[in-house]
Amino acid sequence: MCGIIEAVSTDTKVRPEETTDTSTGDDTPKFFHYVKKNKIAESAVMGTHVVALCGEVFPVTKSAKPGSPVCPDCKKIYEGLRKGE
């Protein structure tokens, strides 16, 4: 199972063509990522990093609300997983 949470910019993973900054500068996330549900609480409490379906690595700081923007890469991967199960 996957849940959707916000990514905070980190230096843990850097992609040459993309930025890992997912915030808009006013503490509002640009989009949220899919991660394994069982890792969300651990990350929120312990501060450990999670790995999103798209490969983004970050600590959990916020939960998505209905209608929140979702990372297009995570969404594509998640939808592909659901079809195959």
Protein backbone atom coordinates (compact mmCIF):
# COMPACT_ATOMS: atom_id res chain seq x y z
CA MET A 1 0.00 0.00 0.00
CA CYS A 2 1.18 3.52 -0.73
CA GLY A 3 0.24 6.84 0.82
CA ILE A 4 0.81 10.33 -0.51
CA ILE A 5 3.02 12.71 1.45
CA GLU A 6 5.00 15.90 0.87
CA ALA A 7 8.65 15.87 -0.08
CA VAL A 8 11.06 18.28 1.52
CA SER A 9 14.07 19.33 -0.49
CA THR A 10 17.20 17.42 0.51
CA ASP A 11 20.69 16.96 -0.85
CA THR A 12 20.33 13.19 -0.57
CA LYS A 13 19.47 12.67 -4.23
CA VAL A 14 20.18 15.04 -7.10
CA ARG A 15 19.04 14.57 -10.68
CA PRO A 16 20.86 16.61 -13.33
CA GLU A 17 17.73 17.59 -15.30
CA GLU A 18 15.40 18.00 -12.33
CA THR A 19 15.37 19.90 -9.08
CA THR A 20 14.63 18.11 -5.82
CA ASP A 21 13.07 21.30 -4.45
CA THR A 22 9.37 20.50 -4.19
CA SER A 23 8.34 23.55 -2.18
CA THR A 24 7.09 26.85 -3.52
CA GLY A 25 9.01 29.02 -1.08
CA ASP A 26 6.01 29.73 1.16
CA ASP A 27 6.05 26.27 2.82
CA THR A 28 3.40 25.03 0.37
CA PRO A 29 4.57 21.91 -1.46
CA LYS A 30 4.65 21.95 -5.25
CA PHE A 31 3.44 18.34 -5.19
CA PHE A 32 3.20 15.26 -3.01
CA HIS A 33 4.82 11.85 -3.56
CA TYR A 34 3.70 8.24 -3.16
CA VAL A 35 5.63 6.25 -0.52
CA LYS A 36 5.00 2.97 1.33
CA LYS A 37 2.36 3.54 4.00
CA ASN A 38 4.23 1.62 6.68
CA LYS A 39 7.18 4.04 6.37
CA ILE A 40 5.17 7.27 6.74
CA ALA A 41 4.61 7.16 10.52
CA GLU A 42 8.18 6.03 11.20
CA SER A 43 9.57 8.90 9.16
CA ALA A 44 7.24 11.46 10.74
CA VAL A 45 8.16 10.36 14.27
CA MET A 46 11.80 9.35 13.91
CA GLY A 47 12.83 11.72 11.13
CA THR A 48 14.09 8.90 8.93
CA HIS A 49 14.02 9.35 5.17
CA VAL A 50 11.55 7.61 2.87
CA VAL A 51 11.94 6.76 -0.81
CA ALA A 52 9.10 7.79 -3.10
CA LEU A 53 8.07 5.67 -6.08
CA CYS A 54 9.84 8.18 -8.34
CA GLY A 55 13.09 7.79 -6.38
CA GLU A 56 12.91 11.05 -4.40
CA VAL A 57 14.39 10.64 -0.89
CA PHE A 58 13.21 12.87 1.98
CA PRO A 59 11.80 12.93 5.54
CA VAL A 60 8.00 13.07 5.93
CA THR A 61 6.79 16.48 7.13
CA LYS A 62 3.20 16.77 5.84
CA SER A 63 0.33 14.56 4.68
CA ALA A 64 -1.58 15.23 1.49
CA LYS A 65 -5.20 16.31 1.58
CA PRO A 66 -7.75 15.35 -1.07
CA GLY A 67 -7.09 17.30 -4.23
CA SER A 68 -3.41 17.95 -3.43
CA PRO A 69 -1.09 17.99 -6.45
CA VAL A 70 0.70 14.65 -6.95
CA CYS A 71 4.17 14.07 -8.44
CA PRO A 72 3.52 13.06 -12.07
CA ASP A 73 6.28 10.42 -11.99
CA CYS A 74 4.93 8.83 -8.80
CA LYS A 75 1.38 8.88 -10.18
CA LYS A 76 2.44 7.17 -13.41
CA ILE A 77 4.35 4.46 -11.54
CA TYR A 78 1.54 3.94 -9.01
CA GLU A 79 -1.08 3.59 -11.74
CA GLY A 80 1.13 1.05 -13.51
CA LEU A 81 1.46 -0.98 -10.31
CA ARG A 82 -2.30 -1.04 -9.75
CA LYS A 83 -2.96 -2.40 -13.25
CA GLY A 84 -0.49 -5.24 -12.81
CA GLU A 85 -1.83 -6.47 -9.47
